[in-house]
């Protein structure tokens, strides 16, 4: 499920549509997948607004650092002679603002829930 629309992202960022990349719908979908990953798919209707904000925060983060860093990982080592570059193992990286939102809401809690 995609938690934020292009229009919601524009409001969150205070930008115009011309400022967004042409594949923003794909980026929103990937950001929503990242939110699902970190919340273990526990988003319900009660949490939808938090998921929307966290998704927008994730996209904002990727627009700043480039989404590809989450795909290939950060550079682990780099050489110049006979060029060599090694990447750290890649795991999804949660944007700091998205992490704050999800932690405060309890959506990243991994303990036992008693209902």
C-alpha atoms as a PDB file:
ATOM      1  CA  UNK A   1       0.000   0.000   0.000  1.00  0.00           C
ATOM      2  CA  UNK A   2       1.281   3.456  -0.873  1.00  0.00           C
ATOM      3  CA  UNK A   3       0.900   5.742   2.144  1.00  0.00           C
ATOM      4  CA  UNK A   4       1.384   9.171   0.547  1.00  0.00           C
ATOM      5  CA  UNK A   5       0.342  10.763  -2.716  1.00  0.00           C
ATOM      6  CA  UNK A   6       2.329  13.177  -4.825  1.00  0.00           C
ATOM      7  CA  UNK A   7       0.039  15.985  -3.631  1.00  0.00           C
ATOM      8  CA  UNK A   8       0.645  15.111   0.034  1.00  0.00           C
ATOM      9  CA  UNK A   9       4.385  15.026  -0.610  1.00  0.00           C
ATOM     10  CA  UNK A  10       4.267  18.454  -2.261  1.00  0.00           C
ATOM     11  CA  UNK A  11       2.509  19.876   0.819  1.00  0.00           C
ATOM     12  CA  UNK A  12       4.986  18.187   3.162  1.00  0.00           C
ATOM     13  CA  UNK A  13       8.020  19.482   1.269  1.00  0.00           C
ATOM     14  CA  UNK A  14       6.590  22.858   0.284  1.00  0.00           C
ATOM     15  CA  UNK A  15       7.588  22.311  -3.339  1.00  0.00           C
ATOM     16  CA  UNK A  16       5.917  22.467  -6.732  1.00  0.00           C
ATOM     17  CA  UNK A  17       5.407  19.504  -9.027  1.00  0.00           C
ATOM     18  CA  UNK A  18       8.191  20.791 -11.289  1.00  0.00           C
ATOM     19  CA  UNK A  19      10.638  20.302  -8.383  1.00  0.00           C
ATOM     20  CA  UNK A  20       9.953  16.563  -8.156  1.00  0.00           C
ATOM     21  CA  UNK A  21      11.641  13.846 -10.209  1.00  0.00           C
ATOM     22  CA  UNK A  22       9.578  12.331 -13.018  1.00  0.00           C
ATOM     23  CA  UNK A  23       9.479   8.932 -11.268  1.00  0.00           C
ATOM     24  CA  UNK A  24       8.097  10.259  -7.976  1.00  0.00           C
ATOM     25  CA  UNK A  25       5.236   7.732  -7.938  1.00  0.00           C
ATOM     26  CA  UNK A  26       7.787   4.899  -8.001  1.00  0.00           C
ATOM     27  CA  UNK A  27       9.799   6.578  -5.234  1.00  0.00           C
ATOM     28  CA  UNK A  28       6.659   6.969  -3.087  1.00  0.00           C
ATOM     29  CA  UNK A  29       5.902   3.266  -3.572  1.00  0.00           C
ATOM     30  CA  UNK A  30       9.452   2.285  -2.538  1.00  0.00           C
ATOM     31  CA  UNK A  31       9.327   4.600   0.470  1.00  0.00           C
ATOM     32  CA  UNK A  32       6.041   2.982   1.531  1.00  0.00           C
ATOM     33  CA  UNK A  33       7.693  -0.451   1.233  1.00  0.00           C
ATOM     34  CA  UNK A  34      10.498   0.798   3.485  1.00  0.00           C
ATOM     35  CA  UNK A  35       7.967   1.985   6.080  1.00  0.00           C
ATOM     36  CA  UNK A  36       6.261  -1.428   5.916  1.00  0.00           C
ATOM     37  CA  UNK A  37       9.644  -3.128   6.415  1.00  0.00           C
ATOM     38  CA  UNK A  38      10.488  -1.150   9.543  1.00  0.00           C
ATOM     39  CA  UNK A  39       6.996  -1.460  11.041  1.00  0.00           C
ATOM     40  CA  UNK A  40       6.641  -5.163  10.217  1.00  0.00           C
ATOM     41  CA  UNK A  41       3.508  -4.305   8.217  1.00  0.00           C
ATOM     42  CA  UNK A  42       1.639  -3.095  11.326  1.00  0.00           C
ATOM     43  CA  UNK A  43       0.141   0.008   9.694  1.00  0.00           C
ATOM     44  CA  UNK A  44      -3.612   0.198  10.262  1.00  0.00           C
ATOM     45  CA  UNK A  45      -6.168   2.930   9.631  1.00  0.00           C
ATOM     46  CA  UNK A  46      -5.283   4.341  13.074  1.00  0.00           C
ATOM     47  CA  UNK A  47      -1.682   4.855  11.965  1.00  0.00           C
ATOM     48  CA  UNK A  48      -2.285   6.049   8.424  1.00  0.00           C
ATOM     49  CA  UNK A  49      -1.400   9.705   9.072  1.00  0.00           C
ATOM     50  CA  UNK A  50       1.864   8.684  10.744  1.00  0.00           C
ATOM     51  CA  UNK A  51       2.645   6.357   7.825  1.00  0.00           C
ATOM     52  CA  UNK A  52       1.924   9.206   5.397  1.00  0.00           C
ATOM     53  CA  UNK A  53       4.302  11.567   7.217  1.00  0.00           C
ATOM     54  CA  UNK A  54       6.981   8.883   7.568  1.00  0.00           C
ATOM     55  CA  UNK A  55       6.728   8.089   3.847  1.00  0.00           C
ATOM     56  CA  UNK A  56       7.118  11.763   2.969  1.00  0.00           C
ATOM     57  CA  UNK A  57      10.103  12.013   5.329  1.00  0.00           C
ATOM     58  CA  UNK A  58      11.669   8.979   3.652  1.00  0.00           C
ATOM     59  CA  UNK A  59      11.233  10.500   0.189  1.00  0.00           C
ATOM     60  CA  UNK A  60      12.663  13.811   1.425  1.00  0.00           C
ATOM     61  CA  UNK A  61      15.713  11.926   2.712  1.00  0.00           C
ATOM     62  CA  UNK A  62      16.184  10.078  -0.581  1.00  0.00           C
ATOM     63  CA  UNK A  63      15.856  13.292  -2.569  1.00  0.00           C
ATOM     64  CA  UNK A  64      18.723  14.699  -0.484  1.00  0.00           C
ATOM     65  CA  UNK A  65      21.107  11.706  -0.465  1.00  0.00           C
ATOM     66  CA  UNK A  66      19.960   9.798  -3.567  1.00  0.00           C
ATOM     67  CA  UNK A  67      17.816   6.699  -3.291  1.00  0.00           C
ATOM     68  CA  UNK A  68      20.523   4.547  -4.903  1.00  0.00           C
ATOM     69  CA  UNK A  69      22.506   4.625  -1.643  1.00  0.00           C
ATOM     70  CA  UNK A  70      19.827   2.367  -0.159  1.00  0.00           C
ATOM     71  CA  UNK A  71      20.095  -0.004  -3.111  1.00  0.00           C
ATOM     72  CA  UNK A  72      23.858  -0.382  -3.488  1.00  0.00           C
ATOM     73  CA  UNK A  73      24.856   0.549   0.058  1.00  0.00           C
ATOM     74  CA  UNK A  74      27.438   3.013   1.211  1.00  0.00           C
ATOM     75  CA  UNK A  75      31.050   2.806   0.090  1.00  0.00           C
ATOM     76  CA  UNK A  76      33.006   0.507   2.394  1.00  0.00           C
ATOM     77  CA  UNK A  77      36.411   0.918   0.753  1.00  0.00           C
ATOM     78  CA  UNK A  78      37.852   2.799  -2.204  1.00  0.00           C
ATOM     79  CA  UNK A  79      41.188   2.519  -4.049  1.00  0.00           C
ATOM     80  CA  UNK A  80      42.641   4.600  -6.874  1.00  0.00           C
ATOM     81  CA  UNK A  81      45.419   2.524  -8.488  1.00  0.00           C
ATOM     82  CA  UNK A  82      43.689  -0.064 -10.705  1.00  0.00           C
ATOM     83  CA  UNK A  83      40.416   1.383  -9.414  1.00  0.00           C
ATOM     84  CA  UNK A  84      38.475  -0.635  -6.841  1.00  0.00           C
ATOM     85  CA  UNK A  85      35.330   0.173  -4.906  1.00  0.00           C
ATOM     86  CA  UNK A  86      33.579  -2.052  -2.372  1.00  0.00           C
ATOM     87  CA  UNK A  87      30.141  -1.411  -0.962  1.00  0.00           C
ATOM     88  CA  UNK A  88      28.846  -2.297   2.473  1.00  0.00           C
ATOM     89  CA  UNK A  89      26.009  -4.780   2.522  1.00  0.00           C
ATOM     90  CA  UNK A  90      22.834  -2.976   1.720  1.00  0.00           C
ATOM     91  CA  UNK A  91      19.895  -2.842   4.095  1.00  0.00           C
ATOM     92  CA  UNK A  92      17.099  -0.334   3.845  1.00  0.00           C
ATOM     93  CA  UNK A  93      18.012   2.876   5.630  1.00  0.00           C
ATOM     94  CA  UNK A  94      15.255   4.678   7.465  1.00  0.00           C
ATOM     95  CA  UNK A  95      15.316   8.463   7.319  1.00  0.00           C
ATOM     96  CA  UNK A  96      15.939  10.073  10.729  1.00  0.00           C
ATOM     97  CA  UNK A  97      12.612  11.968  10.672  1.00  0.00           C
ATOM     98  CA  UNK A  98      10.720   8.852   9.623  1.00  0.00           C
ATOM     99  CA  UNK A  99      12.391   6.918  12.459  1.00  0.00           C
ATOM    100  CA  UNK A 100      11.340   9.569  15.003  1.00  0.00           C
ATOM    101  CA  UNK A 101       7.734   9.464  13.821  1.00  0.00           C
ATOM    102  CA  UNK A 102       7.555   5.674  13.900  1.00  0.00           C
ATOM    103  CA  UNK A 103       9.316   5.339  17.262  1.00  0.00           C
ATOM    104  CA  UNK A 104       7.061   7.902  18.965  1.00  0.00           C
ATOM    105  CA  UNK A 105       3.974   6.155  17.631  1.00  0.00           C
ATOM    106  CA  UNK A 106       5.129   2.741  18.865  1.00  0.00           C
ATOM    107  CA  UNK A 107       5.082   1.291  15.355  1.00  0.00           C
ATOM    108  CA  UNK A 108       8.687   0.110  15.599  1.00  0.00           C
ATOM    109  CA  UNK A 109       8.099  -1.685  18.921  1.00  0.00           C
ATOM    110  CA  UNK A 110       9.252  -5.312  18.716  1.00  0.00           C
ATOM    111  CA  UNK A 111       8.051  -6.586  22.086  1.00  0.00           C
ATOM    112  CA  UNK A 112       4.967  -8.567  22.989  1.00  0.00           C
ATOM    113  CA  UNK A 113       1.618  -6.849  22.645  1.00  0.00           C
ATOM    114  CA  UNK A 114      -1.167  -7.886  24.958  1.00  0.00           C
ATOM    115  CA  UNK A 115      -4.624  -7.315  23.576  1.00  0.00           C
END
